[in-house]
Every structure is written in C-alpha cells, then in structure tokens.
Amino acid sequence: MTKLAELAQAVRTERDRLDAVLRLLEVDEAPVEVPRTFGRRPIQKAQTNGRRKMSPEGRRRIPEAQRARWEKFHAGAGATQR
C-alpha cells in the first residue's frame, strides 16, 4: 500500500470509531446526568441567614478558654519585666 492509501484507511477507521461514539451519545433512552459537584458534596447552609447558632454553654466556654490562655501566658512572662 502506498502511504496515501494507508492514510485514507486510518482516516476511515477513525471515522468509524467516532460514528460509534456518536451513536452511543445520541441514545434518548437513558440520558446521562453529569454531576456538578466534581466529587465534592454541595455545601449546605445551616440556617437560612447563613449563620450558625451557638449554645449558651459554648458562649460561656469561649471567655473561660481565653482567660486560661492569658493566665498561662502571663505566668510565663512574669519572670521578665518590661
């Protein structure tokens, strides 16, 4: 075969493959739904206004933890005076 004939045969083979793929894509019986999440779950808001509610216990623990951090910091800094 000449190179031109080989090229023509390769093009026909590729055309046949592409026709088969197009027939599979054009099937109306089972439409394929492509997910828009790309492997991740969609983010859902906890509240309608987008803010979460904090329990009273949680509100109470925040200043207690901050006081504990300050006490720990100042206990270590007590040896050095400014």
C-alpha atoms as a PDB file:
ATOM      1  CA  MET A   1       0.000   0.000   0.000  1.00  0.00           C
ATOM      2  CA  THR A   2       1.088   3.495  -0.613  1.00  0.00           C
ATOM      3  CA  LYS A   3       1.311   5.995   2.156  1.00  0.00           C
ATOM      4  CA  LEU A   4      -1.743   7.813   0.807  1.00  0.00           C
ATOM      5  CA  ALA A   5      -3.787   4.607   0.888  1.00  0.00           C
ATOM      6  CA  GLU A   6      -2.617   3.874   4.444  1.00  0.00           C
ATOM      7  CA  LEU A   7      -3.615   7.382   5.497  1.00  0.00           C
ATOM      8  CA  ALA A   8      -7.049   7.005   3.888  1.00  0.00           C
ATOM      9  CA  GLN A   9      -7.573   3.686   5.685  1.00  0.00           C
ATOM     10  CA  ALA A  10      -6.550   5.241   9.031  1.00  0.00           C
ATOM     11  CA  VAL A  11      -8.996   8.110   8.482  1.00  0.00           C
ATOM     12  CA  ARG A  12     -11.827   5.686   7.657  1.00  0.00           C
ATOM     13  CA  THR A  13     -11.064   3.644  10.785  1.00  0.00           C
ATOM     14  CA  GLU A  14     -11.090   6.778  12.954  1.00  0.00           C
ATOM     15  CA  ARG A  15     -14.337   7.941  11.318  1.00  0.00           C
ATOM     16  CA  ASP A  16     -15.984   4.594  12.104  1.00  0.00           C
ATOM     17  CA  ARG A  17     -14.867   4.841  15.743  1.00  0.00           C
ATOM     18  CA  LEU A  18     -16.227   8.373  16.040  1.00  0.00           C
ATOM     19  CA  ASP A  19     -19.540   7.356  14.436  1.00  0.00           C
ATOM     20  CA  ALA A  20     -19.888   4.583  17.028  1.00  0.00           C
ATOM     21  CA  VAL A  21     -19.225   7.042  19.852  1.00  0.00           C
ATOM     22  CA  LEU A  22     -21.775   9.499  18.450  1.00  0.00           C
ATOM     23  CA  ARG A  23     -24.401   6.749  18.256  1.00  0.00           C
ATOM     24  CA  LEU A  24     -23.812   5.970  21.933  1.00  0.00           C
ATOM     25  CA  LEU A  25     -24.098   9.625  22.900  1.00  0.00           C
ATOM     26  CA  GLU A  26     -27.299  10.200  20.937  1.00  0.00           C
ATOM     27  CA  VAL A  27     -29.285   7.464  22.704  1.00  0.00           C
ATOM     28  CA  ASP A  28     -32.518   9.029  24.008  1.00  0.00           C
ATOM     29  CA  GLU A  29     -33.500   6.111  26.236  1.00  0.00           C
ATOM     30  CA  ALA A  30     -31.156   6.843  29.135  1.00  0.00           C
ATOM     31  CA  PRO A  31     -29.982  10.452  29.366  1.00  0.00           C
ATOM     32  CA  VAL A  32     -26.771  10.845  31.310  1.00  0.00           C
ATOM     33  CA  GLU A  33     -26.801  13.461  34.048  1.00  0.00           C
ATOM     34  CA  VAL A  34     -23.411  14.977  34.725  1.00  0.00           C
ATOM     35  CA  PRO A  35     -22.874  15.873  38.389  1.00  0.00           C
ATOM     36  CA  ARG A  36     -21.840  19.455  39.000  1.00  0.00           C
ATOM     37  CA  THR A  37     -20.030  18.713  42.250  1.00  0.00           C
ATOM     38  CA  PHE A  38     -16.903  17.145  40.705  1.00  0.00           C
ATOM     39  CA  GLY A  39     -16.601  14.654  43.558  1.00  0.00           C
ATOM     40  CA  ARG A  40     -17.476  17.038  46.371  1.00  0.00           C
ATOM     41  CA  ARG A  41     -20.736  17.261  48.231  1.00  0.00           C
ATOM     42  CA  PRO A  42     -22.578  20.546  47.751  1.00  0.00           C
ATOM     43  CA  ILE A  43     -22.262  22.953  50.652  1.00  0.00           C
ATOM     44  CA  GLN A  44     -25.481  23.447  52.593  1.00  0.00           C
ATOM     45  CA  LYS A  45     -26.073  26.313  54.977  1.00  0.00           C
ATOM     46  CA  ALA A  46     -27.171  25.502  58.497  1.00  0.00           C
ATOM     47  CA  GLN A  47     -29.543  28.482  58.730  1.00  0.00           C
ATOM     48  CA  THR A  48     -31.466  30.490  56.189  1.00  0.00           C
ATOM     49  CA  ASN A  49     -29.428  33.580  57.043  1.00  0.00           C
ATOM     50  CA  GLY A  50     -26.117  31.678  56.736  1.00  0.00           C
ATOM     51  CA  ARG A  51     -25.171  31.967  60.414  1.00  0.00           C
ATOM     52  CA  ARG A  52     -24.957  29.171  62.926  1.00  0.00           C
ATOM     53  CA  LYS A  53     -26.393  29.341  66.396  1.00  0.00           C
ATOM     54  CA  MET A  54     -24.080  28.885  69.342  1.00  0.00           C
ATOM     55  CA  SER A  55     -25.293  27.250  72.531  1.00  0.00           C
ATOM     56  CA  PRO A  56     -25.111  29.177  75.812  1.00  0.00           C
ATOM     57  CA  GLU A  57     -22.555  26.638  77.041  1.00  0.00           C
ATOM     58  CA  GLY A  58     -20.379  27.366  74.020  1.00  0.00           C
ATOM     59  CA  ARG A  59     -20.651  31.103  74.625  1.00  0.00           C
ATOM     60  CA  ARG A  60     -19.588  30.568  78.238  1.00  0.00           C
ATOM     61  CA  ARG A  61     -16.597  28.361  77.326  1.00  0.00           C
ATOM     62  CA  ILE A  62     -15.025  30.881  74.924  1.00  0.00           C
ATOM     63  CA  PRO A  63     -14.142  33.558  77.517  1.00  0.00           C
ATOM     64  CA  GLU A  64     -13.087  30.876  80.001  1.00  0.00           C
ATOM     65  CA  ALA A  65     -10.650  29.449  77.483  1.00  0.00           C
ATOM     66  CA  GLN A  66      -9.321  32.929  76.656  1.00  0.00           C
ATOM     67  CA  ARG A  67      -8.781  33.690  80.347  1.00  0.00           C
ATOM     68  CA  ALA A  68      -6.901  30.386  80.714  1.00  0.00           C
ATOM     69  CA  ARG A  69      -4.670  31.292  77.747  1.00  0.00           C
ATOM     70  CA  TRP A  70      -3.931  34.729  79.190  1.00  0.00           C
ATOM     71  CA  GLU A  71      -3.168  33.260  82.622  1.00  0.00           C
ATOM     72  CA  LYS A  72      -0.781  30.739  81.089  1.00  0.00           C
ATOM     73  CA  PHE A  73       0.894  33.442  79.006  1.00  0.00           C
ATOM     74  CA  HIS A  74       1.252  35.876  81.905  1.00  0.00           C
ATOM     75  CA  ALA A  75       2.512  33.153  84.237  1.00  0.00           C
ATOM     76  CA  GLY A  76       5.424  32.514  81.874  1.00  0.00           C
ATOM     77  CA  ALA A  77       6.025  36.234  81.249  1.00  0.00           C
ATOM     78  CA  GLY A  78       6.007  37.110  84.976  1.00  0.00           C
ATOM     79  CA  ALA A  79       9.725  36.444  85.298  1.00  0.00           C
ATOM     80  CA  THR A  80      10.612  39.063  82.687  1.00  0.00           C
ATOM     81  CA  GLN A  81       9.647  42.684  83.314  1.00  0.00           C
ATOM     82  CA  ARG A  82       9.222  45.206  80.543  1.00  0.00           C
END
